[in-house]
Protein backbone atom coordinates (compact mmCIF):
# COMPACT_ATOMS: atom_id res chain seq x y z
CA UNK A 1 -76.22 -35.01 58.65
CA UNK A 2 -72.84 -36.70 58.19
CA UNK A 3 -72.54 -37.32 61.94
CA UNK A 4 -76.01 -38.89 61.96
CA UNK A 5 -75.08 -41.30 59.16
CA UNK A 6 -71.77 -42.11 60.88
CA UNK A 7 -73.53 -43.01 64.15
CA UNK A 8 -76.22 -44.92 62.26
CA UNK A 9 -73.55 -47.02 60.54
CA UNK A 10 -71.87 -47.66 63.91
CA UNK A 11 -75.24 -48.80 65.27
CA UNK A 12 -75.45 -51.21 62.34
CA UNK A 13 -72.12 -52.73 63.39
CA UNK A 14 -73.45 -53.06 66.95
CA UNK A 15 -76.59 -54.77 65.66
CA UNK A 16 -74.51 -57.20 63.62
CA UNK A 17 -72.45 -57.94 66.73
CA UNK A 18 -75.63 -58.64 68.71
CA UNK A 19 -76.81 -61.06 66.02
CA UNK A 20 -73.45 -62.86 66.27
CA UNK A 21 -73.77 -63.14 70.06
CA UNK A 22 -71.10 -60.55 70.85
CA UNK A 23 -71.21 -57.48 73.08
CA UNK A 24 -72.86 -54.75 70.98
CA UNK A 25 -71.73 -51.87 73.21
CA UNK A 26 -68.10 -52.77 72.76
CA UNK A 27 -68.45 -53.07 69.01
CA UNK A 28 -70.40 -49.80 68.83
CA UNK A 29 -67.56 -47.96 70.57
CA UNK A 30 -65.02 -49.69 68.37
CA UNK A 31 -66.95 -48.65 65.27
CA UNK A 32 -67.07 -45.05 66.53
CA UNK A 33 -63.32 -45.02 67.18
CA UNK A 34 -62.14 -46.92 64.09
CA UNK A 35 -64.87 -45.79 61.66
CA UNK A 36 -67.86 -48.01 60.95
CA UNK A 37 -66.09 -49.63 58.00
CA UNK A 38 -63.07 -50.51 60.14
CA UNK A 39 -65.31 -51.82 62.90
CA UNK A 40 -67.29 -54.00 60.53
CA UNK A 41 -64.12 -55.43 59.00
CA UNK A 42 -62.76 -56.17 62.48
CA UNK A 43 -66.03 -57.86 63.43
CA UNK A 44 -66.02 -59.90 60.22
CA UNK A 45 -62.45 -61.08 60.88
CA UNK A 46 -63.28 -61.85 64.51
CA UNK A 47 -66.35 -63.84 63.47
CA UNK A 48 -64.51 -65.81 60.78
CA UNK A 49 -61.72 -66.71 63.19
CA UNK A 50 -64.29 -67.98 65.68
CA UNK A 51 -63.16 -65.97 68.70
C-alpha cells in the first residue's frame, strides 16, 4: 500500500510538470529517486526560476 501511494504521489509530480510544459517522464523519475516531496520542491523551484 505504501509503495502504491509513493508511486501515485510521483505521478502527481509528473502531472504537475506536464501542466507546466515540462517533460513529465523526467520529473516522474526524479520524484521516484528523490521522493515525491523532494521532486515537487525541485519542480517548484525550477518553475519559479523560469528555467
